[in-house]
N, C-alpha and C. Protein backbone atom coordinates (compact mmCIF):
# COMPACT_ATOMS: atom_id res chain seq x y z
N MET A 1 -59.76 -40.44 -1.21
CA MET A 1 -58.97 -40.43 0.08
C MET A 1 -57.83 -41.64 0.49
N SER A 2 -56.64 -40.70 1.22
CA SER A 2 -55.65 -41.83 1.42
C SER A 2 -55.66 -42.59 2.45
N GLY A 3 -54.67 -43.50 2.96
CA GLY A 3 -55.07 -44.38 4.19
C GLY A 3 -54.51 -43.61 5.62
N ILE A 4 -54.26 -42.66 5.46
CA ILE A 4 -53.50 -41.74 6.78
C ILE A 4 -55.02 -40.77 7.11
N GLU A 5 -55.72 -41.11 8.08
CA GLU A 5 -56.94 -40.29 8.74
C GLU A 5 -56.58 -39.27 9.72
N LYS A 6 -57.02 -38.24 9.76
CA LYS A 6 -57.06 -37.12 10.72
C LYS A 6 -57.23 -37.28 12.18
N PRO A 7 -56.42 -37.48 12.67
CA PRO A 7 -56.72 -37.65 14.24
C PRO A 7 -58.02 -36.87 14.73
N SER A 8 -58.90 -37.56 15.38
CA SER A 8 -60.21 -36.58 16.05
C SER A 8 -59.35 -35.51 17.00
N ASN A 9 -60.70 -34.40 17.04
CA ASN A 9 -60.24 -33.04 18.03
C ASN A 9 -59.95 -33.64 19.42
N ILE A 10 -60.26 -34.75 20.03
CA ILE A 10 -60.00 -34.78 21.06
C ILE A 10 -58.29 -35.50 21.39
N VAL A 11 -58.55 -36.23 20.58
CA VAL A 11 -56.72 -36.88 20.08
C VAL A 11 -55.58 -35.68 19.98
N SER A 12 -56.33 -34.53 19.24
CA SER A 12 -55.35 -33.54 18.79
C SER A 12 -55.40 -32.46 20.10
N LEU A 13 -56.42 -32.52 20.90
CA LEU A 13 -55.96 -31.63 21.90
C LEU A 13 -55.09 -32.14 23.07
N ALA A 14 -55.65 -33.54 23.37
CA ALA A 14 -54.47 -33.96 24.47
C ALA A 14 -53.40 -33.79 23.96
N HIS A 15 -53.20 -34.50 22.69
CA HIS A 15 -51.73 -33.96 22.25
C HIS A 15 -51.15 -32.92 22.77
N ARG A 16 -51.86 -31.90 21.92
CA ARG A 16 -51.42 -30.29 22.25
C ARG A 16 -51.55 -30.11 23.68
N ARG A 17 -52.22 -30.56 24.75
CA ARG A 17 -51.92 -30.56 26.38
C ARG A 17 -50.53 -30.78 26.63
N ALA A 18 -50.36 -32.13 25.97
CA ALA A 18 -49.06 -32.76 26.42
C ALA A 18 -48.07 -31.90 26.15
N GLU A 19 -47.74 -31.74 24.61
CA GLU A 19 -46.64 -31.04 24.42
C GLU A 19 -46.64 -29.54 25.21
N ARG A 20 -47.59 -29.06 25.26
CA ARG A 20 -47.25 -27.78 26.11
C ARG A 20 -47.09 -27.85 27.69
N SER A 21 -47.27 -28.91 28.16
CA SER A 21 -46.81 -29.05 29.41
C SER A 21 -45.29 -29.37 29.19
N ARG A 22 -44.80 -30.36 28.07
CA ARG A 22 -43.80 -30.55 28.35
C ARG A 22 -42.86 -29.44 27.84
N ARG A 23 -43.27 -28.17 27.20
CA ARG A 23 -42.59 -27.08 26.88
C ARG A 23 -42.37 -26.41 28.14
N LEU A 24 -43.63 -26.22 29.08
CA LEU A 24 -43.71 -25.37 30.28
C LEU A 24 -43.02 -25.95 31.48
N HIS A 25 -42.94 -27.26 31.49
CA HIS A 25 -41.96 -28.03 32.54
C HIS A 25 -41.17 -29.11 31.85
N PRO A 26 -39.98 -28.34 31.16
CA PRO A 26 -39.43 -29.79 30.57
C PRO A 26 -38.60 -30.60 31.69
N THR A 27 -38.69 -30.38 32.68
CA THR A 27 -37.59 -31.23 33.69
C THR A 27 -38.37 -31.78 34.60
N ARG A 28 -39.74 -31.60 34.56
CA ARG A 28 -40.64 -32.50 35.24
C ARG A 28 -40.92 -33.71 34.25
N PRO A 29 -41.53 -35.04 34.96
CA PRO A 29 -41.80 -36.06 33.89
C PRO A 29 -43.10 -35.53 33.46
N HIS A 30 -43.50 -36.05 32.21
CA HIS A 30 -44.48 -36.29 31.65
C HIS A 30 -45.54 -36.57 32.37
N ASP A 31 -45.82 -38.05 33.13
CA ASP A 31 -46.77 -38.20 33.87
C ASP A 31 -46.00 -38.38 35.02
N ALA A 32 -46.46 -37.56 36.02
CA ALA A 32 -45.84 -37.50 37.73
C ALA A 32 -46.52 -39.07 38.20
N TYR A 33 -47.74 -39.16 38.17
CA TYR A 33 -48.51 -40.52 38.70
C TYR A 33 -47.77 -41.75 38.22
N SER A 34 -46.85 -42.01 37.29
CA SER A 34 -46.59 -42.88 36.78
C SER A 34 -44.98 -43.27 37.67
N GLN A 35 -44.41 -42.47 38.71
CA GLN A 35 -43.56 -42.60 39.43
C GLN A 35 -44.40 -43.06 41.03
N SER A 36 -43.24 -43.72 41.60
CA SER A 36 -43.70 -44.28 42.80
C SER A 36 -43.85 -43.28 43.80
N LEU A 37 -44.56 -43.54 45.05
CA LEU A 37 -44.96 -42.77 45.69
C LEU A 37 -43.54 -41.75 46.75
N GLU A 38 -42.73 -42.82 46.62
CA GLU A 38 -41.44 -42.47 47.55
C GLU A 38 -40.71 -41.53 46.48
N GLU A 39 -40.86 -41.75 44.95
CA GLU A 39 -40.05 -40.60 44.16
C GLU A 39 -41.01 -39.44 44.39
N ARG A 40 -41.90 -39.54 44.24
CA ARG A 40 -42.67 -38.20 44.36
C ARG A 40 -42.83 -37.55 45.66
N LEU A 41 -42.78 -38.22 46.67
CA LEU A 41 -42.30 -37.31 47.94
C LEU A 41 -41.02 -36.90 47.59
N SER A 42 -40.25 -37.75 47.79
CA SER A 42 -38.58 -37.03 47.23
C SER A 42 -38.63 -35.84 46.81
N ARG A 43 -39.22 -35.84 45.18
CA ARG A 43 -39.29 -34.64 44.45
C ARG A 43 -40.09 -33.37 45.31
N LEU A 44 -40.91 -33.75 46.06
CA LEU A 44 -41.71 -32.98 46.59
C LEU A 44 -40.45 -32.18 47.67
N GLU A 45 -39.99 -33.13 48.36
CA GLU A 45 -38.92 -32.61 49.30
C GLU A 45 -38.23 -32.17 48.90
N ALA A 46 -37.41 -32.10 47.65
CA ALA A 46 -36.43 -31.32 47.25
C ALA A 46 -37.14 -30.08 47.05
N ASP A 47 -38.26 -30.10 46.20
CA ASP A 47 -39.08 -28.55 45.98
C ASP A 47 -39.15 -27.79 46.93
N PHE A 48 -39.64 -28.35 47.85
CA PHE A 48 -39.50 -27.77 49.55
C PHE A 48 -38.44 -27.21 50.03
N ASP A 49 -37.21 -27.94 50.03
CA ASP A 49 -36.11 -27.44 50.37
C ASP A 49 -35.70 -26.23 49.92
N ARG A 50 -35.49 -26.20 48.27
CA ARG A 50 -35.35 -25.35 47.46
C ARG A 50 -35.89 -23.99 47.80
N LEU A 51 -36.99 -24.18 48.26
CA LEU A 51 -38.20 -22.67 48.32
C LEU A 51 -38.02 -22.37 49.93
N LEU A 52 -37.43 -23.12 50.71
CA LEU A 52 -36.99 -22.65 52.06
C LEU A 52 -35.61 -22.03 51.74
N GLU A 53 -35.25 -22.51 50.94
CA GLU A 53 -33.58 -21.81 50.87
C GLU A 53 -33.77 -20.29 50.26
N ALA A 54 -34.90 -20.20 49.34
CA ALA A 54 -35.21 -18.98 48.85
C ALA A 54 -35.87 -18.08 49.63
N VAL A 55 -36.45 -18.76 50.77
CA VAL A 55 -37.16 -18.05 51.85
C VAL A 55 -36.22 -17.42 52.59
N VAL A 56 -35.16 -18.23 52.86
CA VAL A 56 -34.02 -17.87 54.17
C VAL A 56 -33.18 -16.83 53.22
N ASP A 57 -32.72 -17.15 52.21
CA ASP A 57 -31.61 -16.09 51.42
C ASP A 57 -32.72 -14.65 51.24
N THR A 58 -33.89 -14.96 51.00
CA THR A 58 -34.56 -13.50 51.03
C THR A 58 -34.65 -12.78 52.25
N THR A 59 -34.99 -13.66 53.02
CA THR A 59 -34.96 -12.91 54.68
C THR A 59 -33.76 -12.19 55.30
N LYS A 60 -32.51 -13.09 55.04
CA LYS A 60 -31.26 -12.51 55.19
C LYS A 60 -30.92 -11.33 54.35
N LEU A 61 -31.27 -11.01 53.00
CA LEU A 61 -31.31 -10.04 52.36
C LEU A 61 -31.98 -8.98 53.02
N ALA A 62 -33.05 -8.95 53.42
CA ALA A 62 -34.01 -8.00 53.92
C ALA A 62 -33.49 -7.54 55.52
N GLU A 63 -32.84 -8.37 56.00
CA GLU A 63 -32.03 -7.83 57.45
C GLU A 63 -31.05 -7.07 57.14
N ASP A 64 -30.25 -7.79 56.12
CA ASP A 64 -29.03 -6.63 55.73
C ASP A 64 -29.35 -5.20 55.17
N ASN A 65 -30.68 -5.25 54.16
CA ASN A 65 -30.92 -4.04 53.75
C ASN A 65 -31.61 -3.36 54.98
N ARG A 66 -32.19 -3.55 55.89
CA ARG A 66 -32.82 -3.08 56.84
C ARG A 66 -31.54 -2.39 58.15
N ASP A 67 -30.38 -3.42 58.28
CA ASP A 67 -29.49 -2.83 58.87
C ASP A 67 -28.67 -1.46 58.00
N TYR A 68 -28.36 -1.72 57.01
CA TYR A 68 -28.21 -0.73 56.24
C TYR A 68 -29.12 0.91 56.09
N MET A 69 -30.31 0.70 56.21
CA MET A 69 -31.05 1.75 56.02
C MET A 69 -30.90 2.39 57.56
N MET A 70 -30.88 1.25 58.81
CA MET A 70 -30.81 1.87 60.04
C MET A 70 -29.34 3.00 60.07
N ARG A 71 -28.50 2.44 59.73
CA ARG A 71 -27.16 3.04 59.49
C ARG A 71 -27.13 3.96 58.73
N LEU A 72 -28.02 4.46 57.72
CA LEU A 72 -28.00 5.83 57.09
C LEU A 72 -28.88 6.47 57.65
N LEU A 73 -30.01 5.90 58.23
CA LEU A 73 -30.96 7.08 58.77
C LEU A 73 -30.07 7.67 60.04
N ARG A 74 -28.93 7.03 60.76
CA ARG A 74 -28.24 7.53 61.92
C ARG A 74 -27.64 8.51 61.55
N LEU A 75 -26.92 8.36 60.33
CA LEU A 75 -25.99 9.28 59.29
C LEU A 75 -26.35 10.34 59.26
N LEU A 76 -27.62 10.13 58.51
CA LEU A 76 -28.27 11.69 58.18
C LEU A 76 -29.09 12.63 59.51
N LYS A 77 -29.43 11.77 60.21
CA LYS A 77 -29.72 12.30 61.54
C LYS A 77 -28.68 13.00 62.46
N ASP A 78 -27.26 12.71 62.53
CA ASP A 78 -26.06 12.76 62.68
C ASP A 78 -25.66 14.23 62.42
N LYS A 79 -25.83 14.24 60.61
CA LYS A 79 -25.62 14.90 59.68
C LYS A 79 -26.54 16.32 59.88
N GLU A 80 -27.84 16.29 60.68
CA GLU A 80 -28.59 17.14 60.73
C GLU A 80 -28.28 18.00 62.03
N LEU A 81 -28.18 17.23 62.90
CA LEU A 81 -27.81 17.67 64.14
C LEU A 81 -26.68 18.41 64.16
N THR A 82 -25.61 18.39 63.42
CA THR A 82 -24.43 19.22 63.58
C THR A 82 -23.98 20.56 62.99
């Protein structure tokens, strides 16, 4: 038997989980708890701001679509009446 031992299954599973986490979230730190509370709060605030921007953009697009659909409805109604 060689001097290199196969790691136990527990170590292998932990390694696989860490690798999968790195692949799924490459921009996130590998261990979020190694950061200070202020850094974690800052990251959460940035994520929340990004989420709010997406919601505001979606709301604006929905309002624009509603206005467009109402205009089309009025044009169709006018077309039917004439």
